[in-house]
């Protein structure tokens, strides 16, 4: 039976969604069994690393047999707390915010944007997709009332830290930040960054 330890390296946690995604593709192909070698080949990660990562949480496979795909998927979803739907607040109703609201990949992965905030008076009260845009001043009240724990920041860098401060004070404990700035948050708040420029600059190093 799998067990969840109290402390697991964050880099290991970061690889679990990759394993879950690969397993989902395998399941869609009608597969029932896989191996750490096959997963490693698909992900560019060594089979030994995959086995070591999974061993933090228990024993999921059998020697010479491999992993039952549906069972391992179920266990990874449990470990990542994806056996429930997470409501998400979006701050920023610009072009990026519009794209995120219209993105169809959130719902079937356990996430749903349920409220949108912006500071621009001309946007407040209008709709972004099916969602009404609320005044950013209402963030503390609405987030607390809805008990939202996750948020996406899609505002300019100059505004991002102030937005993060309000989100944290309102009870948000996980932030996905699209603004090109490193946020200062308490240790108990998780932040992940998505900055395309950083990744493009990374790749230009390898271009002649």
Protein backbone atom coordinates (compact mmCIF):
# COMPACT_ATOMS: atom_id res chain seq x y z
CA UNK A 1 0.00 0.00 0.00
CA UNK A 2 1.36 3.41 -0.94
CA UNK A 3 2.16 5.89 1.78
CA UNK A 4 2.94 9.58 1.61
CA UNK A 5 6.05 10.66 3.52
CA UNK A 6 6.24 13.99 5.32
CA UNK A 7 9.22 15.31 3.34
CA UNK A 8 9.92 14.71 -0.34
CA UNK A 9 12.36 16.83 -2.41
CA UNK A 10 10.47 19.42 -4.44
CA UNK A 11 12.30 18.36 -7.60
CA UNK A 12 10.72 14.92 -7.19
CA UNK A 13 7.24 16.42 -6.76
CA UNK A 14 7.88 18.42 -9.94
CA UNK A 15 8.41 15.23 -11.95
CA UNK A 16 5.24 13.48 -10.77
CA UNK A 17 2.94 15.44 -13.14
CA UNK A 18 5.22 14.38 -16.02
CA UNK A 19 4.77 10.74 -15.03
CA UNK A 20 1.02 11.26 -14.73
CA UNK A 21 0.85 12.83 -18.20
CA UNK A 22 2.82 9.99 -19.78
CA UNK A 23 0.57 7.43 -18.09
CA UNK A 24 -2.51 9.26 -19.35
CA UNK A 25 -1.23 9.04 -22.92
CA UNK A 26 -0.47 5.34 -22.48
CA UNK A 27 -3.96 4.72 -21.12
CA UNK A 28 -5.45 6.57 -24.11
CA UNK A 29 -3.52 4.18 -26.35
CA UNK A 30 -5.31 1.28 -24.66
CA UNK A 31 -2.27 0.12 -22.73
CA UNK A 32 -2.61 -1.61 -19.35
CA UNK A 33 1.00 -2.21 -18.29
CA UNK A 34 4.17 -0.11 -18.60
CA UNK A 35 7.69 -0.09 -17.18
CA UNK A 36 10.05 2.50 -15.76
CA UNK A 37 12.18 1.97 -18.88
CA UNK A 38 9.30 2.84 -21.20
CA UNK A 39 8.32 5.86 -19.13
CA UNK A 40 11.94 6.97 -19.08
CA UNK A 41 12.26 6.65 -22.85
CA UNK A 42 9.17 8.78 -23.34
CA UNK A 43 10.24 11.47 -20.89
CA UNK A 44 14.00 11.53 -21.29
CA UNK A 45 14.47 10.50 -17.65
CA UNK A 46 16.42 7.45 -16.53
CA UNK A 47 14.42 4.43 -15.42
CA UNK A 48 16.45 4.38 -12.19
CA UNK A 49 15.40 7.96 -11.45
CA UNK A 50 11.73 7.13 -12.01
CA UNK A 51 11.92 4.13 -9.68
CA UNK A 52 13.70 6.22 -7.04
CA UNK A 53 11.12 9.01 -7.31
CA UNK A 54 8.18 6.62 -6.93
CA UNK A 55 9.86 4.81 -4.02
CA UNK A 56 9.35 7.94 -1.89
CA UNK A 57 5.65 7.08 -1.85
CA UNK A 58 5.58 3.30 -1.68
CA UNK A 59 5.81 0.27 -3.94
CA UNK A 60 3.71 0.51 -7.11
CA UNK A 61 5.18 -2.07 -9.46
CA UNK A 62 6.30 -5.68 -9.47
CA UNK A 63 9.73 -6.97 -10.48
CA UNK A 64 9.53 -8.31 -14.02
CA UNK A 65 5.92 -7.16 -14.46
CA UNK A 66 6.05 -3.37 -14.39
CA UNK A 67 3.33 -0.93 -13.43
CA UNK A 68 -0.41 -1.23 -13.87
CA UNK A 69 -1.12 2.04 -15.64
CA UNK A 70 -4.56 2.79 -14.21
CA UNK A 71 -3.47 1.95 -10.67
CA UNK A 72 -0.35 4.12 -10.88
CA UNK A 73 -2.36 6.97 -12.40
CA UNK A 74 -4.83 6.73 -9.54
CA UNK A 75 -2.06 6.76 -6.94
CA UNK A 76 -0.27 9.73 -8.50
CA UNK A 77 -3.54 11.68 -8.62
CA UNK A 78 -4.04 10.91 -4.94
CA UNK A 79 -0.49 11.96 -4.04
CA UNK A 80 -0.88 15.22 -5.97
CA UNK A 81 -4.34 15.81 -4.43
CA UNK A 82 -5.97 15.70 -7.84
CA UNK A 83 -8.81 13.49 -6.64
CA UNK A 84 -10.86 16.67 -6.23
CA UNK A 85 -11.56 19.80 -8.29
CA UNK A 86 -9.53 22.90 -7.46
CA UNK A 87 -11.14 26.31 -7.92
CA UNK A 88 -8.76 28.97 -9.21
CA UNK A 89 -8.88 32.77 -9.17
CA UNK A 90 -7.45 34.63 -12.17
CA UNK A 91 -6.02 38.13 -11.71
CA UNK A 92 -5.65 39.96 -15.01
CA UNK A 93 -8.29 40.19 -17.74
CA UNK A 94 -6.00 41.09 -20.64
CA UNK A 95 -5.10 39.03 -23.70
CA UNK A 96 -3.34 36.40 -21.57
CA UNK A 97 -6.25 36.20 -19.16
CA UNK A 98 -8.64 35.73 -22.07
CA UNK A 99 -6.49 32.92 -23.45
CA UNK A 100 -6.36 31.20 -20.06
CA UNK A 101 -10.13 31.39 -19.58
CA UNK A 102 -10.69 29.91 -23.04
CA UNK A 103 -8.04 27.22 -22.60
CA UNK A 104 -9.84 23.89 -22.48
CA UNK A 105 -7.16 21.91 -20.69
CA UNK A 106 -7.88 22.93 -17.11
CA UNK A 107 -11.25 21.32 -16.42
CA UNK A 108 -10.39 17.72 -17.29
CA UNK A 109 -7.21 17.96 -15.19
CA UNK A 110 -9.02 19.01 -12.00
CA UNK A 111 -8.83 22.81 -12.17
CA UNK A 112 -11.50 25.41 -12.86
CA UNK A 113 -11.12 29.19 -13.09
CA UNK A 114 -14.14 30.43 -11.17
CA UNK A 115 -13.51 34.17 -10.80
CA UNK A 116 -11.60 36.88 -12.68
CA UNK A 117 -10.28 40.17 -11.28
CA UNK A 118 -8.90 43.31 -12.91
CA UNK A 119 -8.17 46.91 -11.91
CA UNK A 120 -9.22 48.53 -15.21
CA UNK A 121 -12.56 50.26 -14.63
CA UNK A 122 -13.59 49.77 -18.27
CA UNK A 123 -13.37 45.98 -17.83
CA UNK A 124 -15.15 45.62 -14.47
CA UNK A 125 -18.63 44.19 -14.84
CA UNK A 126 -17.95 42.87 -18.35
CA UNK A 127 -17.45 39.21 -19.16
CA UNK A 128 -14.36 37.21 -19.95
CA UNK A 129 -15.75 34.12 -21.59
CA UNK A 130 -18.55 33.03 -19.27
CA UNK A 131 -17.08 34.77 -16.21
CA UNK A 132 -17.83 38.25 -14.94
CA UNK A 133 -14.80 40.46 -14.32
CA UNK A 134 -14.71 41.76 -10.74
CA UNK A 135 -12.89 44.77 -9.34
CA UNK A 136 -9.52 43.73 -7.92
CA UNK A 137 -10.49 45.58 -4.74
CA UNK A 138 -12.99 42.78 -4.11
CA UNK A 139 -10.31 40.06 -4.10
CA UNK A 140 -10.08 39.61 -0.30
CA UNK A 141 -13.84 39.31 0.18
CA UNK A 142 -14.57 37.01 -2.77
CA UNK A 143 -11.53 34.76 -2.31
CA UNK A 144 -12.26 34.30 1.38
CA UNK A 145 -15.97 33.69 0.75
CA UNK A 146 -15.23 31.07 -1.91
CA UNK A 147 -12.31 29.63 0.11
CA UNK A 148 -10.10 29.71 -2.96
CA UNK A 149 -6.55 28.44 -2.36
CA UNK A 150 -5.08 28.72 -5.86
CA UNK A 151 -4.62 31.75 -8.12
CA UNK A 152 -3.07 32.74 -11.43
CA UNK A 153 -1.36 36.11 -11.81
CA UNK A 154 -1.53 37.50 -15.36
CA UNK A 155 -0.72 41.17 -14.77
CA UNK A 156 2.29 43.37 -15.65
CA UNK A 157 5.43 42.82 -13.57
CA UNK A 158 5.03 46.17 -11.80
CA UNK A 159 1.69 45.05 -10.32
CA UNK A 160 2.46 41.40 -9.60
CA UNK A 161 3.97 41.69 -6.10
CA UNK A 162 1.10 43.83 -4.81
CA UNK A 163 -1.38 41.32 -6.27
CA UNK A 164 0.50 38.43 -4.66
CA UNK A 165 0.44 40.18 -1.28
CA UNK A 166 -3.36 40.53 -1.43
CA UNK A 167 -3.80 36.93 -2.58
CA UNK A 168 -1.68 35.60 0.28
CA UNK A 169 -3.50 37.75 2.83
CA UNK A 170 -6.79 36.42 1.42
CA UNK A 171 -5.82 32.80 2.02
CA UNK A 172 -4.32 31.74 -1.33
CA UNK A 173 -1.55 29.18 -0.82
CA UNK A 174 -0.55 28.39 -4.40
CA UNK A 175 0.19 30.90 -7.16
CA UNK A 176 0.96 30.38 -10.84
CA UNK A 177 2.76 33.55 -11.90
CA UNK A 178 2.97 34.66 -15.53
CA UNK A 179 4.45 38.05 -14.67
CA UNK A 180 8.22 38.29 -15.40
CA UNK A 181 9.20 38.91 -11.80
CA UNK A 182 10.20 36.77 -8.82
CA UNK A 183 7.62 37.11 -6.06
CA UNK A 184 8.31 37.38 -2.35
CA UNK A 185 5.87 35.16 -0.45
CA UNK A 186 5.83 33.32 2.90
CA UNK A 187 7.45 29.85 3.04
CA UNK A 188 4.07 28.12 3.21
CA UNK A 189 2.96 29.57 -0.15
CA UNK A 190 3.88 27.69 -3.32
CA UNK A 191 4.78 29.71 -6.43
CA UNK A 192 5.44 28.44 -9.94
CA UNK A 193 6.65 30.70 -12.75
CA UNK A 194 5.87 30.72 -16.46
CA UNK A 195 8.01 33.20 -18.38
CA UNK A 196 8.44 32.35 -22.10
CA UNK A 197 11.27 34.88 -22.47
CA UNK A 198 13.42 33.02 -19.92
CA UNK A 199 12.99 29.78 -21.85
CA UNK A 200 13.69 31.44 -25.19
CA UNK A 201 16.85 33.02 -23.76
CA UNK A 202 17.88 29.63 -22.42
CA UNK A 203 17.64 28.11 -25.89
CA UNK A 204 19.48 30.90 -27.72
CA UNK A 205 22.64 29.85 -25.87
CA UNK A 206 22.66 26.67 -27.98
CA UNK A 207 22.05 28.41 -31.31
CA UNK A 208 25.03 29.24 -33.47
